[in-house]
Amino acid sequence: MKSIVLTLSPRNPILVPFAHFDMLRGIAYRLMSYDPALSAEIHDRRYPDKKSFKFFCMTDLVGRYAIRDKKLIYKRPFTWELRSADDRIIDAAEQSVVKSPVLSVDRQACDVLSYEIRQKHFHADNAELVMNTPITVYHTEQTGYRRYYHPFEQTFFDRLVKNIENKYEMFYEKAPPSGVSIECKNPSDKDKCVTHCTEHGIEQIVNAWYGSYRIAASPEVLDFIWHTGLGGKNASGFGTVTERIQ
């Protein structure tokens, strides 16, 4: 498990929509396209019950920006991180930026000033994690209706834990080495994020949540969460965690 952190410099000021999860996903897949076979494997991967886990996640763009006409404007260098439990994904991303140190961000050119490969390891059996991108937890019924859950109800946390256990078991072909428990510190309606992203060519409204979460799990599971995200739609930019700055 590892990640790649890119420092990107816009050639010209870039404009990014508030709802830019499709854009984040596009950056990740463009980097992975350096290895076409791997990219196709990840895109088409399916598990029992039609579950689709990609085993990667990504941060939002991190840097100073201005707001104009309902868009974010980046003029100065910013960073972006792609994480994965599958080292092949990060290897492909690294090879891509080495070969072509220019990256398109929503069809706007940015030079890759530098990159860093990181490996994150937890050593305790609990951590307080803050959402860099919001968590979405939902259930899709046979009728196609999608029921979203929120951190004021226990089902939200039950489904988060089950999602972690399923992803871990699918990746390692064994159950997690310990149980997982999650609680939200002081959930607030201010943490709610109503946004949208494209799914199977159709724009979908997504309910998601920021906030701070206390997770009790083995260090191995915490490492896995860091590199794959919490909740659903991780490959579309949702559910990426960071540590609380003391």
Protein backbone atom coordinates (compact mmCIF):
# COMPACT_ATOMS: atom_id res chain seq x y z
CA MET A 1 0.00 0.00 0.00
CA LYS A 2 1.30 3.41 -0.94
CA SER A 3 0.43 6.76 -2.47
CA ILE A 4 1.78 9.35 -4.86
CA VAL A 5 1.60 13.05 -4.02
CA LEU A 6 1.83 15.42 -6.98
CA THR A 7 2.70 19.11 -6.79
CA LEU A 8 1.02 20.73 -9.79
CA SER A 9 1.55 24.22 -11.20
CA PRO A 10 -1.17 25.66 -13.47
CA ARG A 11 0.17 27.09 -16.73
CA ASN A 12 -2.73 29.51 -16.57
CA PRO A 13 -5.28 30.03 -13.79
CA ILE A 14 -7.52 26.97 -13.80
CA LEU A 15 -11.24 27.04 -13.08
CA VAL A 16 -12.72 24.10 -11.22
CA PRO A 17 -16.46 23.60 -10.54
CA PHE A 18 -17.58 23.20 -6.93
CA ALA A 19 -18.79 19.68 -7.73
CA HIS A 20 -15.65 18.23 -9.30
CA PHE A 21 -15.69 14.56 -8.35
CA ASP A 22 -15.83 13.51 -12.01
CA MET A 23 -12.70 15.61 -12.57
CA LEU A 24 -10.82 13.91 -9.72
CA ARG A 25 -11.75 10.48 -11.04
CA GLY A 26 -10.60 11.55 -14.51
CA ILE A 27 -7.15 12.55 -13.22
CA ALA A 28 -6.73 9.16 -11.55
CA TYR A 29 -7.76 7.14 -14.60
CA ARG A 30 -5.57 9.22 -16.92
CA LEU A 31 -2.57 8.39 -14.75
CA MET A 32 -3.49 4.70 -14.64
CA SER A 33 -3.94 4.62 -18.42
CA TYR A 34 -0.15 4.39 -18.69
CA ASP A 35 -0.83 0.68 -18.08
CA PRO A 36 -3.87 -0.05 -20.32
CA ALA A 37 -4.28 -3.64 -19.13
CA LEU A 38 -4.32 -2.56 -15.49
CA SER A 39 -6.72 0.29 -16.20
CA ALA A 40 -9.13 -2.06 -17.97
CA GLU A 41 -8.85 -4.64 -15.16
CA ILE A 42 -9.72 -2.04 -12.52
CA HIS A 43 -12.56 -0.53 -14.52
CA ASP A 44 -14.19 -3.88 -15.26
CA ARG A 45 -13.51 -5.59 -11.91
CA ARG A 46 -16.60 -7.15 -10.30
CA TYR A 47 -17.09 -9.27 -7.20
CA PRO A 48 -19.99 -11.43 -5.91
CA ASP A 49 -23.35 -9.64 -5.60
CA LYS A 50 -22.14 -7.27 -8.34
CA LYS A 51 -19.94 -5.40 -5.87
CA SER A 52 -17.36 -3.18 -7.55
CA PHE A 53 -14.31 -2.26 -5.48
CA LYS A 54 -11.42 -0.36 -7.07
CA PHE A 55 -9.11 -0.22 -4.02
CA PHE A 56 -7.96 3.34 -4.54
CA CYS A 57 -8.99 6.78 -3.38
CA MET A 58 -7.78 10.35 -3.81
CA THR A 59 -7.67 13.65 -2.00
CA ASP A 60 -9.24 16.86 -3.14
CA LEU A 61 -6.99 19.53 -4.64
CA VAL A 62 -5.06 21.05 -1.73
CA GLY A 63 -3.91 24.65 -2.09
CA ARG A 64 -5.00 28.27 -2.08
CA TYR A 65 -7.86 29.25 -4.37
CA ALA A 66 -10.25 32.08 -5.04
CA ILE A 67 -13.97 31.81 -5.81
CA ARG A 68 -15.57 33.48 -8.81
CA ASP A 69 -18.78 32.75 -10.70
CA LYS A 70 -19.39 29.60 -8.61
CA LYS A 71 -16.01 28.15 -9.52
CA LEU A 72 -12.73 27.62 -7.69
CA ILE A 73 -9.74 29.37 -9.25
CA TYR A 74 -6.24 27.99 -8.70
CA LYS A 75 -3.38 30.27 -9.73
CA ARG A 76 -0.57 28.89 -7.59
CA PRO A 77 0.85 25.38 -7.21
CA PHE A 78 -1.32 22.88 -5.36
CA THR A 79 -1.03 19.23 -4.36
CA TRP A 80 -3.13 16.16 -5.06
CA GLU A 81 -2.66 12.63 -3.71
CA LEU A 82 -3.65 9.28 -5.18
CA ARG A 83 -3.63 6.33 -2.74
CA SER A 84 -4.11 2.62 -3.27
CA ALA A 85 -3.85 -0.77 -1.61
CA ASP A 86 -2.75 -2.05 -5.03
CA ASP A 87 0.84 -0.92 -5.62
CA ARG A 88 0.45 -1.41 -9.37
CA ILE A 89 -1.85 1.62 -9.51
CA ILE A 90 0.71 3.92 -7.91
CA ASP A 91 3.51 2.43 -10.01
CA ALA A 92 1.54 3.21 -13.19
CA ALA A 93 0.86 6.77 -11.97
CA GLU A 94 4.54 7.32 -11.24
CA GLN A 95 5.60 6.01 -14.63
CA SER A 96 3.02 8.27 -16.26
CA VAL A 97 4.30 11.49 -14.67
CA VAL A 98 7.92 10.53 -15.32
CA LYS A 99 7.18 9.99 -19.01
CA SER A 100 4.97 13.08 -19.36
CA PRO A 101 5.21 15.63 -16.51
CA VAL A 102 2.12 17.52 -17.68
CA LEU A 103 -1.33 16.71 -16.33
CA SER A 104 -4.72 17.86 -17.55
CA VAL A 105 -7.00 19.11 -14.77
CA ASP A 106 -10.47 19.51 -16.23
CA ARG A 107 -8.81 19.99 -19.66
CA GLN A 108 -6.44 22.66 -18.31
CA ALA A 109 -2.70 22.03 -18.40
CA CYS A 110 -0.69 21.77 -15.18
CA ASP A 111 3.02 21.02 -14.96
CA VAL A 112 4.13 18.38 -12.48
CA LEU A 113 6.71 20.27 -10.43
CA SER A 114 7.51 17.26 -8.26
CA TYR A 115 6.13 14.03 -6.91
CA GLU A 116 6.64 11.96 -3.79
CA ILE A 117 5.88 8.30 -3.06
CA ARG A 118 4.58 7.79 0.47
CA GLN A 119 3.71 4.83 2.66
CA LYS A 120 1.42 5.45 5.60
CA HIS A 121 1.47 3.12 8.59
CA PHE A 122 -0.57 3.29 11.76
CA HIS A 123 0.88 1.86 14.96
CA ALA A 124 -2.05 2.18 17.39
CA ASP A 125 -5.38 0.37 17.27
CA ASN A 126 -7.43 3.55 16.97
CA ALA A 127 -7.27 6.86 15.14
CA GLU A 128 -9.21 10.08 14.82
CA LEU A 129 -9.61 10.75 11.12
CA VAL A 130 -11.07 13.80 9.40
CA MET A 131 -12.73 13.64 6.00
CA ASN A 132 -10.70 15.28 3.25
CA THR A 133 -13.51 14.37 0.87
CA PRO A 134 -17.00 13.48 2.15
CA ILE A 135 -18.32 9.99 2.96
CA THR A 136 -21.36 8.68 1.14
CA VAL A 137 -23.28 5.70 2.53
CA TYR A 138 -26.27 4.33 0.63
CA HIS A 139 -28.28 1.32 -0.39
CA THR A 140 -29.77 0.86 -3.86
CA GLU A 141 -33.03 -1.05 -3.93
CA GLN A 142 -34.17 -3.32 -6.76
CA THR A 143 -36.45 -0.55 -8.00
CA GLY A 144 -33.37 1.64 -8.50
CA TYR A 145 -34.28 3.94 -5.62
CA ARG A 146 -31.16 4.95 -3.67
CA ARG A 147 -31.50 5.40 0.08
CA TYR A 148 -28.78 7.58 1.63
CA TYR A 149 -27.84 7.31 5.30
CA HIS A 150 -26.54 9.98 7.67
CA PRO A 151 -24.34 10.01 10.80
CA PHE A 152 -27.33 10.66 13.06
CA GLU A 153 -28.48 7.04 12.55
CA GLN A 154 -26.73 3.81 13.54
CA THR A 155 -27.24 2.24 10.12
CA PHE A 156 -24.75 4.74 8.71
CA PHE A 157 -21.99 3.28 10.90
CA ASP A 158 -23.13 -0.33 10.49
CA ARG A 159 -22.87 0.01 6.73
CA LEU A 160 -19.50 1.77 6.94
CA VAL A 161 -18.09 -1.14 8.97
CA LYS A 162 -19.59 -3.74 6.62
CA ASN A 163 -18.13 -1.91 3.62
CA ILE A 164 -14.66 -1.96 5.19
CA GLU A 165 -14.95 -5.66 6.01
CA ASN A 166 -16.15 -6.51 2.48
CA LYS A 167 -13.41 -4.53 0.77
CA TYR A 168 -10.70 -5.96 3.01
CA GLU A 169 -11.90 -9.53 2.43
CA MET A 170 -12.16 -9.07 -1.33
CA PHE A 171 -8.63 -7.65 -1.52
CA TYR A 172 -6.83 -10.01 0.83
CA GLU A 173 -9.15 -13.03 0.45
CA LYS A 174 -9.44 -13.25 4.23
CA ALA A 175 -11.38 -11.50 6.97
CA PRO A 176 -9.90 -8.47 8.75
CA PRO A 177 -7.65 -9.43 11.69
CA SER A 178 -9.88 -7.59 14.16
CA GLY A 179 -13.27 -5.99 14.51
CA VAL A 180 -13.96 -2.41 13.45
CA SER A 181 -15.97 0.25 15.22
CA ILE A 182 -16.65 3.80 14.07
CA GLU A 183 -18.20 6.79 15.77
CA CYS A 184 -18.61 10.38 14.67
CA LYS A 185 -17.57 13.15 17.01
CA ASN A 186 -20.32 15.75 17.23
CA PRO A 187 -22.16 15.15 13.94
CA SER A 188 -23.58 18.33 12.49
CA ASP A 189 -25.86 19.27 9.63
CA LYS A 190 -23.08 21.68 8.60
CA ASP A 191 -21.05 18.64 7.53
CA LYS A 192 -23.62 17.58 4.93
CA CYS A 193 -22.55 17.86 1.30
CA VAL A 194 -25.13 17.54 -1.48
CA THR A 195 -23.24 17.20 -4.72
CA HIS A 196 -23.30 15.19 -7.94
CA CYS A 197 -21.17 12.87 -10.04
CA THR A 198 -21.65 10.82 -13.18
CA GLU A 199 -22.45 7.12 -12.88
CA HIS A 200 -22.84 4.94 -15.98
CA GLY A 201 -23.19 8.10 -18.06
CA ILE A 202 -25.99 9.50 -15.88
CA GLU A 203 -25.54 12.44 -13.52
CA GLN A 204 -26.50 11.41 -9.99
CA ILE A 205 -27.23 13.55 -6.94
CA VAL A 206 -25.07 12.34 -4.03
CA ASN A 207 -25.58 12.99 -0.32
CA ALA A 208 -22.29 12.85 1.57
CA TRP A 209 -20.79 13.94 4.88
CA TYR A 210 -17.62 15.58 6.12
CA GLY A 211 -16.72 15.47 9.81
CA SER A 212 -14.38 13.79 12.27
CA TYR A 213 -14.54 10.05 12.96
CA ARG A 214 -12.97 7.91 15.68
CA ILE A 215 -12.11 4.47 14.29
CA ALA A 216 -11.04 1.52 16.42
CA ALA A 217 -9.38 -1.21 14.35
CA SER A 218 -6.06 -2.99 13.98
CA PRO A 219 -3.21 -0.96 12.44
CA GLU A 220 -3.48 -3.14 9.32
CA VAL A 221 -7.13 -2.20 8.84
CA LEU A 222 -6.42 1.48 9.52
CA ASP A 223 -3.71 1.36 6.84
CA PHE A 224 -6.23 -0.17 4.46
CA ILE A 225 -8.82 2.52 5.21
CA TRP A 226 -6.22 5.25 4.60
CA HIS A 227 -5.35 3.86 1.18
CA THR A 228 -8.84 2.86 -0.02
CA GLY A 229 -11.26 5.27 1.67
CA LEU A 230 -14.46 5.04 3.70
CA GLY A 231 -17.95 4.34 2.37
CA GLY A 232 -18.94 4.22 -1.29
CA LYS A 233 -17.70 5.81 -4.51
CA ASN A 234 -14.05 5.99 -3.40
CA ALA A 235 -12.86 5.79 -7.01
CA SER A 236 -14.97 8.88 -7.73
CA GLY A 237 -13.25 10.91 -5.03
CA PHE A 238 -15.47 10.22 -2.00
CA GLY A 239 -14.44 9.02 1.45
CA THR A 240 -10.75 10.01 1.62
CA VAL A 241 -9.47 10.56 5.15
CA THR A 242 -6.71 12.64 6.70
CA GLU A 243 -5.38 12.91 10.22
CA ARG A 244 -6.49 15.64 12.57
CA ILE A 245 -3.81 18.29 13.00
CA GLN A 246 -3.22 18.80 16.71
